[in-house]
Amino acid sequence: MFVVEILERELGAALRKGIDRFEVMLAPFGLDGELPDLLRREIYELGQVRNVIAHNATKIDRRLLQACPWFKGKMGDYFQISPEMFNRYIFAATVYASLIICRVSEHFGVNMSESRTSMEKEVEIRLPNKSIQHL
């Protein structure tokens, strides 16, 4: 754990948003890479929702509304994750973990291009194309 903390501090990982926080930690090992914008956005949204649940007692705050303008709730309303949202978040996290596994496999010489392409196509099909802010 100590090594991870040093790496986070040296790379400024805590200052990164969304998936970039993880990608910067993978970079020194050559395991970072390109990601579909829709996946990047979904993981970012998941992080914002997590913050509202963990730090704001599920009340929608300005930070969430500014970060995710597609949310329809109002400041102070209680946030509730719908089954559709839950499924999107599980899907996005699973795809991201799978892409990391592909990167590790490729690092050791296993061709995973077909698996990566398949996952990227599935992201385009299953994740909604909301207005994506530059993250």
Protein backbone atom coordinates (compact mmCIF):
# COMPACT_ATOMS: atom_id res chain seq x y z
CA MET A 1 0.00 0.00 0.00
CA PHE A 2 2.88 2.36 0.78
CA VAL A 3 4.21 2.06 -2.77
CA VAL A 4 0.79 2.94 -4.20
CA GLU A 5 0.58 6.03 -1.98
CA ILE A 6 4.01 7.20 -3.13
CA LEU A 7 3.10 6.61 -6.75
CA GLU A 8 -0.21 8.51 -6.34
CA ARG A 9 1.60 11.44 -4.77
CA GLU A 10 4.42 11.52 -7.34
CA LEU A 11 2.04 11.32 -10.30
CA GLY A 12 -0.60 13.67 -8.89
CA ALA A 13 -3.25 10.98 -9.33
CA ALA A 14 -5.58 12.51 -6.74
CA LEU A 15 -5.80 15.66 -8.86
CA ARG A 16 -7.06 13.75 -11.91
CA LYS A 17 -10.72 13.31 -12.78
CA GLY A 18 -12.58 10.11 -13.49
CA ILE A 19 -10.78 7.34 -15.25
CA ASP A 20 -7.66 9.49 -15.74
CA ARG A 21 -6.93 8.96 -12.05
CA PHE A 22 -6.44 5.25 -12.79
CA GLU A 23 -4.79 5.69 -16.16
CA VAL A 24 -2.01 7.87 -14.72
CA MET A 25 -1.23 5.08 -12.23
CA LEU A 26 -1.03 2.51 -15.04
CA ALA A 27 1.22 4.64 -17.26
CA PRO A 28 4.57 3.91 -15.50
CA PHE A 29 3.98 0.22 -16.22
CA GLY A 30 3.03 0.80 -19.86
CA LEU A 31 -0.54 -0.30 -19.17
CA ASP A 32 -2.41 2.92 -19.94
CA GLY A 33 -4.15 3.41 -23.25
CA GLU A 34 -6.96 4.80 -25.34
CA LEU A 35 -10.52 4.46 -24.12
CA PRO A 36 -13.89 5.11 -25.74
CA ASP A 37 -15.24 8.54 -24.74
CA LEU A 38 -18.55 6.97 -23.70
CA LEU A 39 -16.75 4.65 -21.28
CA ARG A 40 -14.65 7.53 -19.96
CA ARG A 41 -17.82 9.58 -19.36
CA GLU A 42 -19.66 6.71 -17.66
CA ILE A 43 -16.82 6.05 -15.20
CA TYR A 44 -16.63 9.81 -14.52
CA GLU A 45 -20.36 9.90 -13.80
CA LEU A 46 -20.03 6.87 -11.53
CA GLY A 47 -17.36 8.71 -9.53
CA GLN A 48 -19.57 11.78 -9.18
CA VAL A 49 -22.52 9.64 -8.05
CA ARG A 50 -20.27 7.85 -5.57
CA ASN A 51 -19.23 11.20 -4.10
CA VAL A 52 -22.86 12.27 -3.62
CA ILE A 53 -23.68 8.99 -1.90
CA ALA A 54 -20.54 8.80 0.25
CA HIS A 55 -20.05 12.46 1.14
CA ASN A 56 -23.41 14.17 0.78
CA ALA A 57 -25.91 11.69 2.24
CA THR A 58 -27.34 11.12 -1.28
CA LYS A 59 -28.40 14.75 -1.65
CA ILE A 60 -27.77 16.24 -5.08
CA ASP A 61 -25.29 19.09 -4.84
CA ARG A 62 -23.93 21.77 -7.14
CA ARG A 63 -20.81 19.74 -7.82
CA LEU A 64 -22.83 16.84 -9.28
CA LEU A 65 -25.05 19.13 -11.35
CA GLN A 66 -22.06 20.99 -12.78
CA ALA A 67 -20.11 17.81 -13.47
CA CYS A 68 -23.07 15.95 -14.99
CA PRO A 69 -25.46 18.51 -16.51
CA TRP A 70 -27.59 15.74 -18.03
CA PHE A 71 -28.97 14.87 -14.56
CA LYS A 72 -32.53 16.05 -14.19
CA GLY A 73 -32.62 16.36 -10.38
CA LYS A 74 -32.48 19.62 -8.47
CA MET A 75 -30.00 20.68 -5.83
CA GLY A 76 -31.03 19.30 -2.46
CA ASP A 77 -33.14 16.46 -3.89
CA TYR A 78 -32.27 12.97 -2.78
CA PHE A 79 -30.43 11.01 -5.41
CA GLN A 80 -31.56 7.50 -6.21
CA ILE A 81 -29.78 5.11 -8.54
CA SER A 82 -32.23 3.53 -10.96
CA PRO A 83 -31.80 -0.08 -12.08
CA GLU A 84 -30.82 1.25 -15.53
CA MET A 85 -28.08 3.42 -14.01
CA PHE A 86 -26.86 0.56 -11.85
CA ASN A 87 -26.62 -1.69 -14.92
CA ARG A 88 -24.70 0.98 -16.87
CA TYR A 89 -22.23 1.49 -14.01
CA ILE A 90 -21.64 -2.26 -13.59
CA PHE A 91 -21.19 -2.62 -17.35
CA ALA A 92 -18.73 0.31 -17.56
CA ALA A 93 -16.66 -0.91 -14.61
CA THR A 94 -16.58 -4.45 -16.01
CA VAL A 95 -15.50 -3.25 -19.47
CA TYR A 96 -12.78 -1.06 -17.98
CA ALA A 97 -11.44 -3.92 -15.85
CA SER A 98 -11.56 -6.19 -18.91
CA LEU A 99 -9.65 -3.65 -21.01
CA ILE A 100 -6.95 -3.52 -18.34
CA ILE A 101 -6.75 -7.32 -18.46
CA CYS A 102 -6.38 -7.08 -22.25
CA ARG A 103 -3.56 -4.55 -21.84
CA VAL A 104 -1.74 -6.80 -19.38
CA SER A 105 -2.18 -9.79 -21.68
CA GLU A 106 -0.87 -7.80 -24.65
CA HIS A 107 2.08 -6.65 -22.54
CA PHE A 108 3.00 -10.33 -22.24
CA GLY A 109 2.51 -11.02 -25.96
CA VAL A 110 -1.07 -12.27 -26.12
CA ASN A 111 -3.09 -10.83 -29.00
CA MET A 112 -6.27 -9.37 -27.50
CA SER A 113 -7.23 -7.04 -30.36
CA GLU A 114 -10.40 -8.98 -31.18
CA SER A 115 -11.57 -8.84 -27.54
CA ARG A 116 -10.79 -5.13 -27.26
CA THR A 117 -12.62 -4.32 -30.50
CA SER A 118 -15.62 -6.35 -29.38
CA MET A 119 -15.80 -4.53 -26.03
CA GLU A 120 -15.44 -1.12 -27.66
CA LYS A 121 -18.34 -1.91 -30.03
CA GLU A 122 -20.45 -3.08 -27.09
CA VAL A 123 -19.75 0.22 -25.30
CA GLU A 124 -21.09 2.12 -28.32
CA ILE A 125 -24.25 -0.01 -28.29
CA ARG A 126 -24.99 -0.15 -24.55
CA LEU A 127 -24.00 3.28 -23.23
CA PRO A 128 -26.18 6.29 -24.01
CA ASN A 129 -24.59 9.10 -25.98
CA LYS A 130 -25.20 12.02 -23.60
CA SER A 131 -23.56 15.37 -24.02
CA ILE A 132 -19.92 14.69 -23.16
CA GLN A 133 -18.04 17.48 -21.45
CA HIS A 134 -14.30 17.55 -21.95
CA LEU A 135 -13.03 15.63 -18.92
